[in-house]
Amino acid sequence: MLLISSSSTQVYFLDLAAAEYPESIDFASSFNSIFANVGISLGSFTAAQAAGLTGIASTPYFLGATVCSAAF
């Protein structure tokens, strides 16, 4: 996910929006903060569910397994 939200990708999307749809530059620039907040909320939800299911001591193992499974 880090590669998707890199600064060069964001600049590319803003340039694309400026070239194709000049009236949508403000809308396109708002996606960065929107998806950052969505990522934070999904991470918080996942951690809360892991802590509820396995206990707080096992949370890092559960989240590590989740990240590894999401990578493949």
Protein backbone atom coordinates (compact mmCIF):
# COMPACT_ATOMS: atom_id res chain seq x y z
CA MET A 1 0.00 0.00 0.00
CA LEU A 2 2.93 2.30 0.60
CA LEU A 3 3.81 2.25 -3.09
CA ILE A 4 0.30 3.25 -4.05
CA SER A 5 0.40 6.37 -1.90
CA SER A 6 3.91 7.55 -2.79
CA SER A 7 4.36 11.20 -3.64
CA SER A 8 5.27 10.53 -7.27
CA THR A 9 2.03 8.56 -7.73
CA GLN A 10 0.04 11.37 -6.16
CA VAL A 11 1.67 13.93 -8.45
CA TYR A 12 0.93 11.70 -11.44
CA PHE A 13 -2.75 11.50 -10.54
CA LEU A 14 -2.95 15.26 -9.99
CA ASP A 15 -1.28 15.88 -13.36
CA LEU A 16 -3.66 13.44 -15.00
CA ALA A 17 -6.63 15.17 -13.38
CA ALA A 18 -5.33 18.56 -14.50
CA ALA A 19 -4.92 17.38 -18.08
CA GLU A 20 -8.14 15.40 -18.45
CA TYR A 21 -10.55 17.09 -16.01
CA PRO A 22 -9.24 20.52 -14.93
CA GLU A 23 -12.30 21.19 -12.78
CA SER A 24 -11.59 18.14 -10.62
CA ILE A 25 -8.14 19.03 -9.23
CA ASP A 26 -9.51 19.83 -5.77
CA PHE A 27 -11.45 16.59 -5.73
CA ALA A 28 -8.43 14.57 -6.84
CA SER A 29 -6.18 16.17 -4.22
CA SER A 30 -8.64 15.29 -1.46
CA PHE A 31 -8.17 11.54 -2.10
CA ASN A 32 -4.84 11.52 -0.26
CA SER A 33 -6.31 12.48 3.09
CA ILE A 34 -9.45 10.41 2.54
CA PHE A 35 -7.56 7.18 1.93
CA ALA A 36 -5.11 7.91 4.74
CA ASN A 37 -8.05 8.15 7.14
CA VAL A 38 -9.61 4.99 5.72
CA GLY A 39 -6.32 3.14 6.25
CA ILE A 40 -6.05 4.33 9.83
CA SER A 41 -9.61 3.30 10.60
CA LEU A 42 -9.18 -0.15 9.02
CA GLY A 43 -5.96 -0.67 10.97
CA SER A 44 -7.63 0.37 14.21
CA PHE A 45 -10.58 -1.90 13.56
CA THR A 46 -8.31 -4.85 12.78
CA ALA A 47 -6.26 -4.30 15.92
CA ALA A 48 -9.38 -4.02 18.06
CA GLN A 49 -10.79 -7.24 16.63
CA ALA A 50 -7.47 -9.03 17.13
CA ALA A 51 -7.24 -7.83 20.72
CA GLY A 52 -10.81 -8.95 21.35
CA LEU A 53 -10.31 -12.39 19.85
CA THR A 54 -6.82 -13.32 20.98
CA GLY A 55 -6.03 -10.99 23.86
CA ILE A 56 -3.74 -8.01 23.87
CA ALA A 57 -0.56 -10.08 24.26
CA SER A 58 -1.17 -11.98 21.00
CA THR A 59 -2.12 -8.95 18.92
CA PRO A 60 1.31 -8.45 17.26
CA TYR A 61 1.37 -12.07 16.06
CA PHE A 62 -2.15 -11.82 14.67
CA LEU A 63 -1.42 -8.56 12.87
CA GLY A 64 1.87 -9.91 11.51
CA ALA A 65 0.04 -12.91 10.09
CA THR A 66 -2.59 -10.60 8.58
CA VAL A 67 0.05 -8.45 6.88
CA CYS A 68 1.89 -11.50 5.55
CA SER A 69 -1.30 -13.02 4.18
CA ALA A 70 -2.31 -9.72 2.56
CA ALA A 71 1.06 -9.51 0.82
CA PHE A 72 0.38 -12.68 -1.12
